[in-house]
């Protein structure tokens, strides 16, 4: 039987390989080697990854129970920092959602980007999904940028970048996202780390590339 960590990483493997344009992804073989590689290249611990997944699932469930179809809310968590995007009918609902999510276990910070307006339609949400895919694909081609260090969310043409990255990586990812068609604005919800801290986070095989980038 798969452990919770294996189930999470399996989902990450499938998500990373859904679009052929996102990367030259090898055939999906979910085994210890693949899972170990993904966990190693993610800048969160495996425990934090599970916490983020749990926060997103529980948060979305509670919001649906409380507001139903009156609101369209996305709950995105990275390193226990939660980004709220979407639409709610009133300012009171916006605060209500934030309060609900803030009470979830392991949430340490909330960035509330909910808009007080009517829900977007399916067409707009589909466009946002496509834009997210384009942004991720664009990052793959950026030199010295670890694309899986970022979590990307798009809402009404605004792209939100989350992750633990250096200032160099943040700037390169932002510039890349801004050049993608359909992107109206880029908002950075990032934790900035030093190049020295990065050396302790990336896999040893990737360290030479990071060292070379530092010299640029």
Protein backbone atom coordinates (compact mmCIF):
# COMPACT_ATOMS: atom_id res chain seq x y z
CA UNK A 1 0.00 0.00 0.00
CA UNK A 2 1.30 3.46 -0.87
CA UNK A 3 2.22 5.81 1.92
CA UNK A 4 0.83 9.35 2.03
CA UNK A 5 4.17 10.66 0.76
CA UNK A 6 4.11 8.26 -2.19
CA UNK A 7 0.55 9.28 -3.08
CA UNK A 8 1.51 12.96 -3.04
CA UNK A 9 4.60 12.48 -5.16
CA UNK A 10 2.65 10.31 -7.59
CA UNK A 11 0.29 13.26 -8.07
CA UNK A 12 3.24 15.56 -8.60
CA UNK A 13 4.69 13.24 -11.25
CA UNK A 14 1.39 13.09 -13.11
CA UNK A 15 0.89 16.85 -12.90
CA UNK A 16 4.39 17.59 -14.16
CA UNK A 17 3.93 15.32 -17.18
CA UNK A 18 0.40 16.23 -18.25
CA UNK A 19 1.50 18.59 -20.99
CA UNK A 20 4.23 17.58 -23.40
CA UNK A 21 5.04 21.24 -23.88
CA UNK A 22 5.94 21.73 -20.24
CA UNK A 23 9.14 19.69 -20.36
CA UNK A 24 10.84 16.76 -22.00
CA UNK A 25 9.25 14.46 -19.47
CA UNK A 26 10.23 10.82 -19.55
CA UNK A 27 7.53 8.11 -19.56
CA UNK A 28 5.66 8.11 -16.28
CA UNK A 29 7.17 5.41 -14.09
CA UNK A 30 6.21 6.00 -10.48
CA UNK A 31 8.88 4.25 -8.47
CA UNK A 32 11.25 5.01 -5.65
CA UNK A 33 13.85 6.54 -7.98
CA UNK A 34 11.39 8.95 -9.61
CA UNK A 35 9.77 9.89 -6.32
CA UNK A 36 13.13 10.37 -4.64
CA UNK A 37 14.24 12.65 -7.45
CA UNK A 38 11.13 14.82 -7.23
CA UNK A 39 11.28 15.13 -3.45
CA UNK A 40 14.99 15.95 -3.64
CA UNK A 41 14.50 18.74 -6.18
CA UNK A 42 11.57 20.31 -4.35
CA UNK A 43 12.81 22.97 -1.93
CA UNK A 44 10.26 21.91 0.66
CA UNK A 45 10.64 18.92 2.91
CA UNK A 46 8.39 15.95 2.14
CA UNK A 47 6.48 16.77 5.33
CA UNK A 48 5.89 20.34 4.21
CA UNK A 49 4.71 19.13 0.81
CA UNK A 50 2.11 16.97 2.54
CA UNK A 51 1.09 19.89 4.76
CA UNK A 52 0.58 22.07 1.68
CA UNK A 53 -1.51 19.42 -0.03
CA UNK A 54 -3.65 18.99 3.09
CA UNK A 55 -4.12 22.74 3.49
CA UNK A 56 -5.29 23.08 -0.10
CA UNK A 57 -7.75 20.18 0.11
CA UNK A 58 -9.22 21.11 3.49
CA UNK A 59 -9.34 24.79 2.69
CA UNK A 60 -11.15 24.28 -0.60
CA UNK A 61 -13.60 21.87 1.05
CA UNK A 62 -14.47 24.26 3.86
CA UNK A 63 -14.96 27.18 1.49
CA UNK A 64 -17.28 25.13 -0.72
CA UNK A 65 -19.34 24.09 2.29
CA UNK A 66 -19.59 27.67 3.53
CA UNK A 67 -20.19 29.57 0.29
CA UNK A 68 -21.22 26.99 -2.28
CA UNK A 69 -21.63 28.28 -5.84
CA UNK A 70 -21.82 31.89 -4.68
CA UNK A 71 -18.02 32.08 -4.76
CA UNK A 72 -15.11 30.80 -6.82
CA UNK A 73 -12.10 30.41 -4.53
CA UNK A 74 -8.72 28.79 -5.15
CA UNK A 75 -6.57 27.84 -2.15
CA UNK A 76 -2.89 27.47 -3.06
CA UNK A 77 -0.26 26.63 -0.44
CA UNK A 78 3.53 26.62 -0.70
CA UNK A 79 5.73 26.09 2.34
CA UNK A 80 2.62 26.62 4.48
CA UNK A 81 2.06 30.09 3.00
CA UNK A 82 -1.45 30.27 1.55
CA UNK A 83 -2.57 32.29 -1.45
CA UNK A 84 -6.30 32.93 -1.86
CA UNK A 85 -7.47 33.83 -5.36
CA UNK A 86 -10.79 33.96 -7.14
CA UNK A 87 -14.02 35.83 -6.57
CA UNK A 88 -16.45 36.29 -3.69
CA UNK A 89 -19.72 38.26 -3.63
CA UNK A 90 -18.98 40.53 -0.64
CA UNK A 91 -16.13 41.99 1.38
CA UNK A 92 -17.48 40.11 4.38
CA UNK A 93 -17.13 36.83 2.46
CA UNK A 94 -13.56 37.74 1.59
CA UNK A 95 -12.68 38.11 5.26
CA UNK A 96 -14.71 35.04 6.18
CA UNK A 97 -12.72 32.87 3.78
CA UNK A 98 -9.44 34.20 5.15
CA UNK A 99 -10.50 33.52 8.71
CA UNK A 100 -11.58 29.97 7.89
CA UNK A 101 -8.34 29.10 6.14
CA UNK A 102 -6.19 30.77 8.80
CA UNK A 103 -7.57 28.32 11.36
CA UNK A 104 -6.34 25.28 9.43
CA UNK A 105 -3.47 23.38 10.99
CA UNK A 106 0.05 24.40 9.86
CA UNK A 107 -1.00 27.60 8.05
CA UNK A 108 1.60 30.25 8.90
CA UNK A 109 0.69 33.11 6.54
CA UNK A 110 -2.17 34.09 4.23
CA UNK A 111 -2.05 36.35 1.17
CA UNK A 112 -5.65 37.28 0.37
CA UNK A 113 -6.02 38.21 -3.32
CA UNK A 114 -9.75 37.46 -3.53
CA UNK A 115 -11.72 39.91 -5.65
CA UNK A 116 -15.18 41.12 -4.62
CA UNK A 117 -17.07 40.54 -7.86
CA UNK A 118 -19.14 37.99 -9.73
CA UNK A 119 -17.65 34.60 -10.52
CA UNK A 120 -15.64 34.27 -13.71
CA UNK A 121 -17.04 32.03 -16.43
CA UNK A 122 -15.65 28.76 -17.72
CA UNK A 123 -14.02 30.48 -20.68
CA UNK A 124 -11.97 32.79 -18.46
CA UNK A 125 -10.91 29.94 -16.19
CA UNK A 126 -9.87 27.86 -19.18
CA UNK A 127 -7.77 30.76 -20.46
CA UNK A 128 -6.14 31.05 -17.04
CA UNK A 129 -5.30 27.35 -17.05
CA UNK A 130 -3.73 27.66 -20.48
CA UNK A 131 -1.76 30.71 -19.36
CA UNK A 132 -0.44 28.81 -16.33
CA UNK A 133 0.75 26.04 -18.64
CA UNK A 134 2.49 28.53 -20.91
CA UNK A 135 4.24 30.19 -17.98
CA UNK A 136 5.50 26.84 -16.67
CA UNK A 137 6.67 25.84 -20.12
CA UNK A 138 8.48 29.14 -20.51
CA UNK A 139 10.37 28.62 -17.27
CA UNK A 140 11.72 25.29 -18.48
CA UNK A 141 13.63 27.11 -21.22
CA UNK A 142 15.14 29.78 -18.94
CA UNK A 143 18.83 29.17 -18.31
CA UNK A 144 19.85 28.38 -14.72
CA UNK A 145 16.24 28.35 -13.54
CA UNK A 146 14.78 25.38 -11.66
CA UNK A 147 11.19 25.55 -12.89
CA UNK A 148 9.89 23.11 -10.27
CA UNK A 149 10.99 25.54 -7.56
CA UNK A 150 7.93 27.62 -8.48
CA UNK A 151 4.21 27.07 -8.05
CA UNK A 152 2.21 29.04 -10.62
CA UNK A 153 -1.41 30.16 -10.35
CA UNK A 154 -3.31 32.37 -12.80
CA UNK A 155 -6.50 34.31 -12.05
CA UNK A 156 -8.16 36.61 -14.58
CA UNK A 157 -4.88 37.03 -16.44
CA UNK A 158 -2.82 37.77 -13.33
CA UNK A 159 -0.04 35.26 -12.75
CA UNK A 160 1.01 34.52 -9.17
CA UNK A 161 4.44 33.02 -8.53
CA UNK A 162 5.13 31.12 -5.32
CA UNK A 163 8.28 29.38 -4.16
CA UNK A 164 11.57 29.58 -2.24
CA UNK A 165 13.96 31.21 -4.69
CA UNK A 166 16.87 33.60 -4.93
CA UNK A 167 16.45 37.16 -6.12
CA UNK A 168 18.13 36.13 -9.38
CA UNK A 169 15.61 33.33 -9.91
CA UNK A 170 12.69 35.58 -8.96
CA UNK A 171 13.73 38.19 -11.52
CA UNK A 172 14.27 35.65 -14.30
CA UNK A 173 10.98 33.90 -13.66
CA UNK A 174 9.13 37.23 -13.56
CA UNK A 175 10.66 38.39 -16.83
CA UNK A 176 9.81 35.06 -18.45
CA UNK A 177 6.19 35.17 -17.26
CA UNK A 178 5.72 38.75 -18.40
CA UNK A 179 6.67 37.74 -21.93
CA UNK A 180 3.90 35.14 -22.19
CA UNK A 181 0.79 36.01 -24.19
CA UNK A 182 -2.28 36.35 -22.03
CA UNK A 183 -0.38 37.52 -18.96
CA UNK A 184 -1.69 40.88 -17.78
CA UNK A 185 0.28 41.14 -14.55
CA UNK A 186 2.74 39.12 -12.48
CA UNK A 187 2.45 39.06 -8.69
CA UNK A 188 5.30 37.54 -6.69
CA UNK A 189 4.35 35.69 -3.51
CA UNK A 190 7.88 34.43 -3.05
CA UNK A 191 10.23 33.63 -0.20
CA UNK A 192 13.61 35.07 -1.14
CA UNK A 193 16.67 33.08 -0.10
CA UNK A 194 20.38 33.74 -0.64
CA UNK A 195 22.54 31.96 -3.20
CA UNK A 196 24.34 30.34 -0.26
CA UNK A 197 21.06 29.00 1.10
CA UNK A 198 20.23 27.69 -2.35
CA UNK A 199 23.44 25.66 -2.36
CA UNK A 200 22.16 23.76 0.64
CA UNK A 201 18.77 23.08 -0.96
CA UNK A 202 19.45 21.96 -4.53
CA UNK A 203 20.60 18.43 -5.35
CA UNK A 204 24.36 17.99 -5.58
CA UNK A 205 24.10 17.21 -9.29
CA UNK A 206 22.51 20.62 -9.86
CA UNK A 207 24.93 22.51 -7.66
CA UNK A 208 27.48 23.27 -10.44
CA UNK A 209 24.79 25.00 -12.49
CA UNK A 210 23.76 27.08 -9.49
CA UNK A 211 27.41 27.96 -8.84
CA UNK A 212 27.87 29.05 -12.42
CA UNK A 213 24.74 31.19 -12.20
CA UNK A 214 26.09 32.88 -9.09
CA UNK A 215 29.07 34.13 -11.07
CA UNK A 216 26.92 35.81 -13.72
